[in-house]
Amino acid sequence: MEALTLWGRRNSSNVQKVLWLLDELQLEYTLAERGGAHGGLTKSDYLALNPNGRVPTLRDGELVVWESHAILRYLAAVYSKDRLWPDDPRHRAAVDQWTDWTATRFQLAWMSVFWRVVRTPRHLQEPDIIAAALEETHACLQLLDDRLAGTEYLAGPQLSYADIAAGVSLYRWFNMPVQRKNLPNVTRWYEHLKERPAFQANVMVSFDDLRGRLEY
C-alpha cells in the first residue's frame, strides 16, 4: 500500500488532529512540512493540491483531501474499521454532531482566546475582548462537561474522531495563562486523552514558538 502523505506543520492544531489520528490508527505516512516557518503554501504545486493555501492536506493514492475534519472523517471511515466512526448511521450521528459543533462554535471560541492571549504580543492585547472570548469558551466547555457527565467520550463509551476534533484543544487550554473554571468532567476527559501515546506525541508539544507571533 502506498504511504499516505500529509502536508502541514506540527505546531498547527488542525494538523495535530490529523497526526493524532494517523498515529492512533498506526498508519504509515510521510509528513511534508508546509506553512509557518516552513512556508510553501503559495507555491503552485501546493495550491494545485489545496487551492486555499492552508494546512493540513492529505493525499492517499490519487485522492487529495483538505479541511482537517474532512480528513479525520475520511481516515476514520476507511481505516478505523467501525471504531472511530461507526458504520451504523444512528451511532455515527453523535460523532458528526460534536465534530460539526466543534468546527462551528467551540474551535472559534478557544482559538480566539489562544490568538489573543498567546499569539498576540502583550502590548497589543485587549482585556475586554479576551474576557468575551473566555466567556464563550467557558460556555462551550460547560456544554462539554455536561455531556461528559454521562459518558466517557463525546460520542459514547469509546474514543471517536469527535474526541480528536475537540480534544486537540485541551493541551493548549490547560497551559494558557488564563483563569479556568473547575469543570471536572472535562478534566477527567483530558486525563484520559493524556494517557494515549498518539495524543502525547502529537498534541502535547510546546507552542512557545507561537507566542507573540501574529504572522502565521
C-alpha atoms as a PDB file:
ATOM      1  CA  MET A   1       0.000   0.000   0.000  1.00  0.00           C
ATOM      2  CA  GLU A   2       1.313   3.444  -0.930  1.00  0.00           C
ATOM      3  CA  ALA A   3       2.151   5.550   2.106  1.00  0.00           C
ATOM      4  CA  LEU A   4      -0.068   8.471   2.966  1.00  0.00           C
ATOM      5  CA  THR A   5       1.323  11.991   2.650  1.00  0.00           C
ATOM      6  CA  LEU A   6       0.320  14.812   4.951  1.00  0.00           C
ATOM      7  CA  TRP A   7       1.284  18.435   4.332  1.00  0.00           C
ATOM      8  CA  GLY A   8       1.405  20.682   7.387  1.00  0.00           C
ATOM      9  CA  ARG A   9       3.332  21.912  10.399  1.00  0.00           C
ATOM     10  CA  ARG A  10       3.474  20.172  13.760  1.00  0.00           C
ATOM     11  CA  ASN A  11       2.571  23.293  15.741  1.00  0.00           C
ATOM     12  CA  SER A  12      -0.761  23.734  13.933  1.00  0.00           C
ATOM     13  CA  SER A  13      -3.681  22.432  15.987  1.00  0.00           C
ATOM     14  CA  ASN A  14      -5.542  21.443  12.815  1.00  0.00           C
ATOM     15  CA  VAL A  15      -2.552  19.439  11.635  1.00  0.00           C
ATOM     16  CA  GLN A  16      -2.171  17.925  15.103  1.00  0.00           C
ATOM     17  CA  LYS A  17      -5.664  16.449  14.786  1.00  0.00           C
ATOM     18  CA  VAL A  18      -4.651  14.520  11.697  1.00  0.00           C
ATOM     19  CA  LEU A  19      -1.277  13.474  13.093  1.00  0.00           C
ATOM     20  CA  TRP A  20      -3.012  12.212  16.224  1.00  0.00           C
ATOM     21  CA  LEU A  21      -5.474  10.149  14.205  1.00  0.00           C
ATOM     22  CA  LEU A  22      -2.806   8.764  11.880  1.00  0.00           C
ATOM     23  CA  ASP A  23      -0.818   7.554  14.876  1.00  0.00           C
ATOM     24  CA  GLU A  24      -3.943   6.335  16.661  1.00  0.00           C
ATOM     25  CA  LEU A  25      -4.607   4.135  13.629  1.00  0.00           C
ATOM     26  CA  GLN A  26      -0.905   3.170  13.386  1.00  0.00           C
ATOM     27  CA  LEU A  27      -0.791   4.210   9.738  1.00  0.00           C
ATOM     28  CA  GLU A  28       2.422   4.847   7.857  1.00  0.00           C
ATOM     29  CA  TYR A  29       2.689   8.336   6.427  1.00  0.00           C
ATOM     30  CA  THR A  30       5.118  10.977   5.262  1.00  0.00           C
ATOM     31  CA  LEU A  31       4.896  14.473   6.737  1.00  0.00           C
ATOM     32  CA  ALA A  32       5.774  17.141   4.178  1.00  0.00           C
ATOM     33  CA  GLU A  33       6.337  20.250   6.264  1.00  0.00           C
ATOM     34  CA  ARG A  34       4.483  23.287   4.982  1.00  0.00           C
ATOM     35  CA  GLY A  35       3.210  26.502   6.485  1.00  0.00           C
ATOM     36  CA  GLY A  36       4.540  28.758   9.200  1.00  0.00           C
ATOM     37  CA  ALA A  37       8.324  28.808   9.284  1.00  0.00           C
ATOM     38  CA  HIS A  38       8.387  26.176   6.517  1.00  0.00           C
ATOM     39  CA  GLY A  39       6.494  28.328   4.002  1.00  0.00           C
ATOM     40  CA  GLY A  40       5.457  26.860   0.671  1.00  0.00           C
ATOM     41  CA  LEU A  41       1.721  27.485   0.906  1.00  0.00           C
ATOM     42  CA  THR A  42       1.582  29.898  -2.022  1.00  0.00           C
ATOM     43  CA  LYS A  43       3.648  27.790  -4.401  1.00  0.00           C
ATOM     44  CA  SER A  44       1.817  26.487  -7.434  1.00  0.00           C
ATOM     45  CA  ASP A  45       2.491  22.823  -6.672  1.00  0.00           C
ATOM     46  CA  TYR A  46       0.870  23.138  -3.254  1.00  0.00           C
ATOM     47  CA  LEU A  47      -2.040  25.265  -4.485  1.00  0.00           C
ATOM     48  CA  ALA A  48      -2.734  22.545  -7.045  1.00  0.00           C
ATOM     49  CA  LEU A  49      -3.375  20.243  -4.082  1.00  0.00           C
ATOM     50  CA  ASN A  50      -5.163  22.746  -1.838  1.00  0.00           C
ATOM     51  CA  PRO A  51      -6.372  25.950  -3.521  1.00  0.00           C
ATOM     52  CA  ASN A  52      -6.969  27.533  -0.099  1.00  0.00           C
ATOM     53  CA  GLY A  53      -3.238  27.596   0.607  1.00  0.00           C
ATOM     54  CA  ARG A  54      -3.823  26.271   4.107  1.00  0.00           C
ATOM     55  CA  VAL A  55      -2.821  23.185   6.092  1.00  0.00           C
ATOM     56  CA  PRO A  56      -3.456  20.303   6.509  1.00  0.00           C
ATOM     57  CA  THR A  57      -3.735  18.484   3.194  1.00  0.00           C
ATOM     58  CA  LEU A  58      -3.736  14.699   2.885  1.00  0.00           C
ATOM     59  CA  ARG A  59      -3.018  12.518  -0.136  1.00  0.00           C
ATOM     60  CA  ASP A  60      -3.980   8.860  -0.177  1.00  0.00           C
ATOM     61  CA  GLY A  61      -3.020   7.424  -3.544  1.00  0.00           C
ATOM     62  CA  GLU A  62      -4.746   9.614  -6.128  1.00  0.00           C
ATOM     63  CA  LEU A  63      -7.177  11.097  -3.611  1.00  0.00           C
ATOM     64  CA  VAL A  64      -6.413  14.508  -2.097  1.00  0.00           C
ATOM     65  CA  VAL A  65      -8.432  15.770   0.884  1.00  0.00           C
ATOM     66  CA  TRP A  66      -8.171  19.109   2.680  1.00  0.00           C
ATOM     67  CA  GLU A  67     -10.001  20.575   5.707  1.00  0.00           C
ATOM     68  CA  SER A  68      -8.974  18.861   8.926  1.00  0.00           C
ATOM     69  CA  HIS A  69     -12.369  17.441   9.881  1.00  0.00           C
ATOM     70  CA  ALA A  70     -12.963  16.091   6.387  1.00  0.00           C
ATOM     71  CA  ILE A  71      -9.585  14.364   6.632  1.00  0.00           C
ATOM     72  CA  LEU A  72     -10.485  12.915  10.040  1.00  0.00           C
ATOM     73  CA  ARG A  73     -13.793  11.637   8.710  1.00  0.00           C
ATOM     74  CA  TYR A  74     -12.148  10.064   5.682  1.00  0.00           C
ATOM     75  CA  LEU A  75      -9.409   8.317   7.650  1.00  0.00           C
ATOM     76  CA  ALA A  76     -11.855   7.077  10.281  1.00  0.00           C
ATOM     77  CA  ALA A  77     -14.244   5.748   7.646  1.00  0.00           C
ATOM     78  CA  VAL A  78     -11.580   3.956   5.618  1.00  0.00           C
ATOM     79  CA  TYR A  79      -9.069   2.792   8.217  1.00  0.00           C
ATOM     80  CA  SER A  80     -10.716   2.519  11.636  1.00  0.00           C
ATOM     81  CA  LYS A  81     -12.985  -0.491  10.919  1.00  0.00           C
ATOM     82  CA  ASP A  82     -16.132   0.820  12.638  1.00  0.00           C
ATOM     83  CA  ARG A  83     -14.150   2.005  15.667  1.00  0.00           C
ATOM     84  CA  LEU A  84     -13.675   5.781  15.368  1.00  0.00           C
ATOM     85  CA  TRP A  85     -16.666   6.402  13.073  1.00  0.00           C
ATOM     86  CA  PRO A  86     -19.421   3.792  13.468  1.00  0.00           C
ATOM     87  CA  ASP A  87     -20.942   2.126  10.427  1.00  0.00           C
ATOM     88  CA  ASP A  88     -24.444   2.494  11.889  1.00  0.00           C
ATOM     89  CA  PRO A  89     -25.747   5.976  10.984  1.00  0.00           C
ATOM     90  CA  ARG A  90     -27.624   6.195  14.299  1.00  0.00           C
ATOM     91  CA  HIS A  91     -24.388   5.749  16.227  1.00  0.00           C
ATOM     92  CA  ARG A  92     -22.461   7.854  13.763  1.00  0.00           C
ATOM     93  CA  ALA A  93     -24.742  10.856  14.245  1.00  0.00           C
ATOM     94  CA  ALA A  94     -23.332  11.751  17.655  1.00  0.00           C
ATOM     95  CA  VAL A  95     -19.781  11.702  16.282  1.00  0.00           C
ATOM     96  CA  ASP A  96     -20.718  14.034  13.436  1.00  0.00           C
ATOM     97  CA  GLN A  97     -22.783  16.261  15.725  1.00  0.00           C
ATOM     98  CA  TRP A  98     -19.958  17.004  18.152  1.00  0.00           C
ATOM     99  CA  THR A  99     -17.421  17.350  15.351  1.00  0.00           C
ATOM    100  CA  ASP A 100     -19.555  19.872  13.485  1.00  0.00           C
ATOM    101  CA  TRP A 101     -20.249  21.746  16.731  1.00  0.00           C
ATOM    102  CA  THR A 102     -16.507  21.908  17.315  1.00  0.00           C
ATOM    103  CA  ALA A 103     -15.996  23.425  13.862  1.00  0.00           C
ATOM    104  CA  THR A 104     -18.817  25.952  14.068  1.00  0.00           C
ATOM    105  CA  ARG A 105     -18.603  27.022  17.706  1.00  0.00           C
ATOM    106  CA  PHE A 106     -16.012  25.522  20.038  1.00  0.00           C
ATOM    107  CA  GLN A 107     -12.931  25.945  17.872  1.00  0.00           C
ATOM    108  CA  LEU A 108     -13.844  29.539  17.063  1.00  0.00           C
ATOM    109  CA  ALA A 109     -14.106  30.238  20.799  1.00  0.00           C
ATOM    110  CA  TRP A 110     -10.971  28.615  22.168  1.00  0.00           C
ATOM    111  CA  MET A 111      -8.842  29.694  19.214  1.00  0.00           C
ATOM    112  CA  SER A 112      -9.983  33.274  19.811  1.00  0.00           C
ATOM    113  CA  VAL A 113      -8.593  33.016  23.346  1.00  0.00           C
ATOM    114  CA  PHE A 114      -5.396  31.391  22.098  1.00  0.00           C
ATOM    115  CA  TRP A 115      -4.791  34.092  19.499  1.00  0.00           C
ATOM    116  CA  ARG A 116      -5.493  36.949  21.880  1.00  0.00           C
ATOM    117  CA  VAL A 117      -3.611  35.568  24.887  1.00  0.00           C
ATOM    118  CA  VAL A 118      -0.740  33.611  23.299  1.00  0.00           C
ATOM    119  CA  ARG A 119      -0.286  34.765  19.711  1.00  0.00           C
ATOM    120  CA  THR A 120      -0.870  38.487  20.292  1.00  0.00           C
ATOM    121  CA  PRO A 121       2.075  40.418  21.803  1.00  0.00           C
ATOM    122  CA  ARG A 122       1.273  41.555  25.327  1.00  0.00           C
ATOM    123  CA  HIS A 123       1.283  45.262  24.467  1.00  0.00           C
ATOM    124  CA  LEU A 124      -1.420  44.672  21.825  1.00  0.00           C
ATOM    125  CA  GLN A 125      -3.718  42.553  23.959  1.00  0.00           C
ATOM    126  CA  GLU A 126      -7.226  43.857  24.669  1.00  0.00           C
ATOM    127  CA  PRO A 127      -8.592  42.687  28.049  1.00  0.00           C
ATOM    128  CA  ASP A 128     -12.265  43.247  27.176  1.00  0.00           C
ATOM    129  CA  ILE A 129     -12.019  41.150  24.016  1.00  0.00           C
ATOM    130  CA  ILE A 130     -10.107  38.443  25.885  1.00  0.00           C
ATOM    131  CA  ALA A 131     -12.810  38.401  28.583  1.00  0.00           C
ATOM    132  CA  ALA A 132     -15.557  37.966  25.976  1.00  0.00           C
ATOM    133  CA  ALA A 133     -13.644  35.159  24.266  1.00  0.00           C
ATOM    134  CA  LEU A 134     -13.101  33.442  27.618  1.00  0.00           C
ATOM    135  CA  GLU A 135     -16.795  33.695  28.440  1.00  0.00           C
ATOM    136  CA  GLU A 136     -17.743  31.990  25.166  1.00  0.00           C
ATOM    137  CA  THR A 137     -15.072  29.328  25.621  1.00  0.00           C
ATOM    138  CA  HIS A 138     -16.292  28.553  29.126  1.00  0.00           C
ATOM    139  CA  ALA A 139     -19.850  28.284  27.802  1.00  0.00           C
ATOM    140  CA  CYS A 140     -18.644  25.724  25.259  1.00  0.00           C
ATOM    141  CA  LEU A 141     -16.647  23.835  27.860  1.00  0.00           C
ATOM    142  CA  GLN A 142     -19.693  23.728  30.124  1.00  0.00           C
ATOM    143  CA  LEU A 143     -21.611  22.011  27.322  1.00  0.00           C
ATOM    144  CA  LEU A 144     -18.786  19.505  27.017  1.00  0.00           C
ATOM    145  CA  ASP A 145     -18.708  18.995  30.769  1.00  0.00           C
ATOM    146  CA  ASP A 146     -22.451  18.357  30.855  1.00  0.00           C
ATOM    147  CA  ARG A 147     -22.155  15.873  28.015  1.00  0.00           C
ATOM    148  CA  LEU A 148     -19.217  14.070  29.595  1.00  0.00           C
ATOM    149  CA  ALA A 149     -21.080  13.709  32.889  1.00  0.00           C
ATOM    150  CA  GLY A 150     -22.881  10.745  31.362  1.00  0.00           C
ATOM    151  CA  THR A 151     -20.310   9.245  29.019  1.00  0.00           C
ATOM    152  CA  GLU A 152     -16.580   8.596  28.958  1.00  0.00           C
ATOM    153  CA  TYR A 153     -16.081  10.101  25.497  1.00  0.00           C
ATOM    154  CA  LEU A 154     -18.105  12.580  23.469  1.00  0.00           C
ATOM    155  CA  ALA A 155     -19.981  10.085  21.315  1.00  0.00           C
ATOM    156  CA  GLY A 156     -20.159   7.171  23.743  1.00  0.00           C
ATOM    157  CA  PRO A 157     -18.022   4.737  25.701  1.00  0.00           C
ATOM    158  CA  GLN A 158     -15.084   4.702  23.279  1.00  0.00           C
ATOM    159  CA  LEU A 159     -12.872   7.214  21.502  1.00  0.00           C
ATOM    160  CA  SER A 160     -14.172   8.589  18.214  1.00  0.00           C
ATOM    161  CA  TYR A 161     -12.850  11.183  15.832  1.00  0.00           C
ATOM    162  CA  ALA A 162     -15.110  13.716  17.592  1.00  0.00           C
ATOM    163  CA  ASP A 163     -12.815  13.468  20.618  1.00  0.00           C
ATOM    164  CA  ILE A 164      -9.858  14.199  18.361  1.00  0.00           C
ATOM    165  CA  ALA A 165     -11.516  17.216  16.735  1.00  0.00           C
ATOM    166  CA  ALA A 166     -12.463  18.758  20.078  1.00  0.00           C
ATOM    167  CA  GLY A 167      -9.799  17.261  22.341  1.00  0.00           C
ATOM    168  CA  VAL A 168      -6.862  18.725  20.449  1.00  0.00           C
ATOM    169  CA  SER A 169      -7.702  21.989  22.243  1.00  0.00           C
ATOM    170  CA  LEU A 170      -7.102  20.677  25.733  1.00  0.00           C
ATOM    171  CA  TYR A 171      -3.324  20.793  25.991  1.00  0.00           C
ATOM    172  CA  ARG A 172      -3.275  24.437  24.945  1.00  0.00           C
ATOM    173  CA  TRP A 173      -6.289  25.292  27.073  1.00  0.00           C
ATOM    174  CA  PHE A 174      -4.792  23.833  30.224  1.00  0.00           C
ATOM    175  CA  ASN A 175      -1.441  25.501  29.564  1.00  0.00           C
ATOM    176  CA  MET A 176      -2.594  29.001  28.671  1.00  0.00           C
ATOM    177  CA  PRO A 177      -2.194  31.769  31.287  1.00  0.00           C
ATOM    178  CA  VAL A 178      -5.942  32.241  31.837  1.00  0.00           C
ATOM    179  CA  GLN A 179      -8.400  31.720  34.687  1.00  0.00           C
ATOM    180  CA  ARG A 180     -10.171  28.394  34.132  1.00  0.00           C
ATOM    181  CA  LYS A 181     -13.419  27.272  35.692  1.00  0.00           C
ATOM    182  CA  ASN A 182     -13.472  23.960  37.504  1.00  0.00           C
ATOM    183  CA  LEU A 183     -15.059  21.516  35.055  1.00  0.00           C
ATOM    184  CA  PRO A 184     -14.389  18.057  36.473  1.00  0.00           C
ATOM    185  CA  ASN A 185     -15.685  16.018  33.557  1.00  0.00           C
ATOM    186  CA  VAL A 186     -13.624  17.947  31.031  1.00  0.00           C
ATOM    187  CA  THR A 187     -10.598  17.494  33.291  1.00  0.00           C
ATOM    188  CA  ARG A 188     -11.255  13.759  33.526  1.00  0.00           C
ATOM    189  CA  TRP A 189     -11.589  13.550  29.728  1.00  0.00           C
ATOM    190  CA  TYR A 190      -8.273  15.397  29.360  1.00  0.00           C
ATOM    191  CA  GLU A 191      -6.585  12.992  31.773  1.00  0.00           C
ATOM    192  CA  HIS A 192      -7.845  10.041  29.718  1.00  0.00           C
ATOM    193  CA  LEU A 193      -6.580  11.583  26.488  1.00  0.00           C
ATOM    194  CA  LYS A 194      -3.179  12.304  28.039  1.00  0.00           C
ATOM    195  CA  GLU A 195      -2.741   8.563  28.571  1.00  0.00           C
ATOM    196  CA  ARG A 196      -2.847   7.910  24.829  1.00  0.00           C
ATOM    197  CA  PRO A 197       0.605   7.771  23.175  1.00  0.00           C
ATOM    198  CA  ALA A 198      -0.693   9.392  19.983  1.00  0.00           C
ATOM    199  CA  PHE A 199      -2.003  12.366  21.988  1.00  0.00           C
ATOM    200  CA  GLN A 200       1.266  12.679  23.881  1.00  0.00           C
ATOM    201  CA  ALA A 201       3.343  12.605  20.702  1.00  0.00           C
ATOM    202  CA  ASN A 202       1.310  14.995  18.566  1.00  0.00           C
ATOM    203  CA  VAL A 203      -0.697  17.296  20.841  1.00  0.00           C
ATOM    204  CA  MET A 204       1.371  17.696  23.999  1.00  0.00           C
ATOM    205  CA  VAL A 205       4.044  19.706  22.224  1.00  0.00           C
ATOM    206  CA  SER A 206       5.402  23.118  23.094  1.00  0.00           C
ATOM    207  CA  PHE A 207       3.749  26.125  21.497  1.00  0.00           C
ATOM    208  CA  ASP A 208       6.399  28.570  22.733  1.00  0.00           C
ATOM    209  CA  ASP A 209       7.447  29.377  19.173  1.00  0.00           C
ATOM    210  CA  LEU A 210       3.949  30.780  18.552  1.00  0.00           C
ATOM    211  CA  ARG A 211       3.963  33.207  21.473  1.00  0.00           C
ATOM    212  CA  GLY A 212       3.661  36.817  20.407  1.00  0.00           C
ATOM    213  CA  ARG A 213       3.564  35.892  16.704  1.00  0.00           C
ATOM    214  CA  LEU A 214       0.763  37.186  14.516  1.00  0.00           C
ATOM    215  CA  GLU A 215       2.323  36.491  11.134  1.00  0.00           C
ATOM    216  CA  TYR A 216       1.159  32.849  10.858  1.00  0.00           C
END
